[in-house]
Protein backbone atom coordinates (compact mmCIF):
# COMPACT_ATOMS: atom_id res chain seq x y z
CA MET A 1 -0.10 -0.12 -0.16
CA LYS A 2 1.26 3.52 -1.03
CA THR A 3 0.00 6.90 -0.73
CA PHE A 4 -0.39 9.21 -3.73
CA SER A 5 -1.37 12.65 -4.58
CA ILE A 6 -3.25 13.21 -7.73
CA HIS A 7 -3.50 16.88 -9.28
CA ILE A 8 -6.01 17.39 -11.90
CA THR A 9 -6.20 20.62 -14.05
CA GLY A 10 -8.68 21.64 -16.56
CA LEU A 11 -12.67 21.89 -16.59
CA VAL A 12 -13.06 19.93 -13.49
CA GLN A 13 -15.06 22.38 -10.97
CA GLY A 14 -18.80 22.64 -11.11
CA VAL A 15 -19.38 19.61 -13.17
CA GLY A 16 -19.87 16.96 -10.64
CA PHE A 17 -16.17 16.09 -10.68
CA ARG A 18 -15.74 15.34 -6.90
CA PRO A 19 -18.95 13.12 -6.28
CA PHE A 20 -18.03 11.23 -9.48
CA VAL A 21 -14.35 10.75 -7.88
CA TYR A 22 -16.01 9.63 -4.66
CA LEU A 23 -17.89 7.16 -6.10
CA LEU A 24 -15.26 5.62 -8.51
CA ALA A 25 -12.66 5.67 -5.21
CA GLY A 26 -15.48 3.63 -3.56
CA SER A 27 -15.87 1.15 -6.57
CA CYS A 28 -12.28 0.79 -6.35
CA GLY A 29 -11.80 0.12 -2.72
CA LEU A 30 -9.78 3.25 -2.42
CA LYS A 31 -9.50 5.35 0.71
CA GLY A 32 -8.59 9.10 0.96
CA THR A 33 -9.78 12.60 0.05
CA VAL A 34 -10.80 14.90 -2.95
CA GLU A 35 -11.14 18.56 -2.84
CA ASN A 36 -11.17 21.36 -5.11
CA THR A 37 -8.46 23.90 -4.80
CA THR A 38 -7.64 27.14 -6.58
CA ALA A 39 -5.18 24.99 -8.44
CA GLY A 40 -7.48 22.29 -9.73
CA VAL A 41 -8.91 18.98 -8.16
CA VAL A 42 -6.48 17.28 -5.50
CA ILE A 43 -7.25 13.81 -4.86
CA ARG A 44 -4.97 12.06 -2.14
CA VAL A 45 -5.63 8.37 -1.77
CA THR A 46 -3.99 5.35 -0.36
CA GLY A 47 -3.92 1.93 -2.14
CA ASN A 48 -2.35 -0.60 -4.15
CA PRO A 49 -0.38 1.29 -6.89
CA LYS A 50 -1.68 -1.01 -9.70
CA THR A 51 -5.41 -0.01 -8.19
CA VAL A 52 -4.47 3.66 -8.19
CA ARG A 53 -3.10 3.57 -11.68
CA GLU A 54 -6.42 1.80 -12.89
CA PHE A 55 -8.21 4.47 -10.93
CA CYS A 56 -6.51 7.42 -12.67
CA ASP A 57 -7.34 5.60 -15.99
CA ALA A 58 -11.02 5.45 -15.24
CA ILE A 59 -11.05 9.07 -14.30
CA ARG A 60 -9.74 9.87 -17.60
CA ARG A 61 -12.05 7.54 -19.37
CA LYS A 62 -15.40 7.89 -17.28
CA ALA A 63 -15.04 11.85 -16.33
CA PRO A 64 -18.34 13.77 -16.35
CA LEU A 65 -19.35 14.78 -19.84
CA ALA A 66 -19.22 18.65 -18.86
CA SER A 67 -15.71 18.19 -17.63
CA HIS A 68 -12.47 18.43 -19.58
CA ILE A 69 -9.18 17.26 -18.15
CA ASP A 70 -6.14 19.07 -19.26
CA SER A 71 -3.39 17.32 -17.13
CA LEU A 72 -3.36 14.37 -14.40
CA VAL A 73 -0.23 14.15 -12.26
CA ILE A 74 0.47 11.39 -10.01
CA THR A 75 3.02 11.83 -7.17
CA GLU A 76 3.80 9.09 -4.46
CA THR A 77 3.64 10.77 -0.96
CA GLY A 78 4.40 9.77 2.37
CA TYR A 79 2.24 7.07 3.59
CA ARG A 80 -1.24 7.77 5.17
CA GLU A 81 -4.14 6.04 6.49
CA TRP A 82 -7.93 6.89 5.92
CA LYS A 83 -10.97 5.41 7.44
CA ASP A 84 -12.83 6.01 4.26
CA PHE A 85 -12.96 8.34 1.26
CA SER A 86 -14.61 11.62 1.64
CA ILE A 87 -15.09 14.90 -0.08
CA VAL A 88 -13.41 17.71 1.71
CA LYS A 89 -13.81 21.43 1.86
CA SER A 90 -12.47 23.58 -0.98
CA SER A 91 -9.41 25.31 -0.26
CA VAL A 92 -7.07 27.98 -1.55
CA ILE A 93 -3.62 27.19 -2.25
CA SER A 94 -2.58 29.48 -4.93
CA GLU A 95 -3.34 32.59 -6.81
CA GLU A 96 -4.23 30.62 -9.73
CA ILE A 97 -7.80 31.02 -11.30
CA THR A 98 -9.61 27.98 -11.92
CA GLU A 99 -11.73 27.27 -14.92
CA VAL A 100 -15.44 27.83 -14.29
CA SER A 101 -17.87 25.80 -16.34
CA PRO A 102 -20.47 27.43 -18.74
CA ASP A 103 -24.15 27.38 -17.25
CA ILE A 104 -25.24 24.09 -18.09
CA ALA A 105 -28.39 22.04 -16.82
CA VAL A 106 -28.21 19.36 -14.11
CA CYS A 107 -27.37 15.94 -15.83
CA ARG A 108 -29.58 13.12 -15.20
CA GLU A 109 -26.92 11.39 -13.30
CA CYS A 110 -26.25 14.15 -10.94
CA LEU A 111 -29.85 14.30 -10.12
CA ALA A 112 -29.82 10.68 -9.27
CA ASP A 113 -26.74 11.28 -7.13
CA LEU A 114 -28.65 14.05 -5.13
CA GLU A 115 -31.59 11.87 -4.43
CA LYS A 116 -28.92 9.30 -2.94
CA GLN A 117 -27.50 11.77 -0.60
CA PRO A 118 -28.67 11.80 2.88
CA ARG A 119 -30.36 15.19 3.72
């Protein structure tokens, strides 16, 4: 088991990207976090390196239709354990300006995800 930081840039905020990553990580059995930052989306995950590579490949292949990934960079970091996978509060980590999605309607999949969430 190893811990990785995955930094994703592009049109990855305001398009359901974090909930998508959350569900994908759960289906892969990975634990960690996903957050929006001013420099893009940052995923921190601990798991088998092969599973993490497959997870990253799936992010590229299955990303929400309204998203567009410019870059996905994986870096091994110091080992860390998490109890589960969670979406964490957005943070400001740089002076960069993130891409903002154009006004789009809420997709059917997002509405279905919202209905599954506890209120």
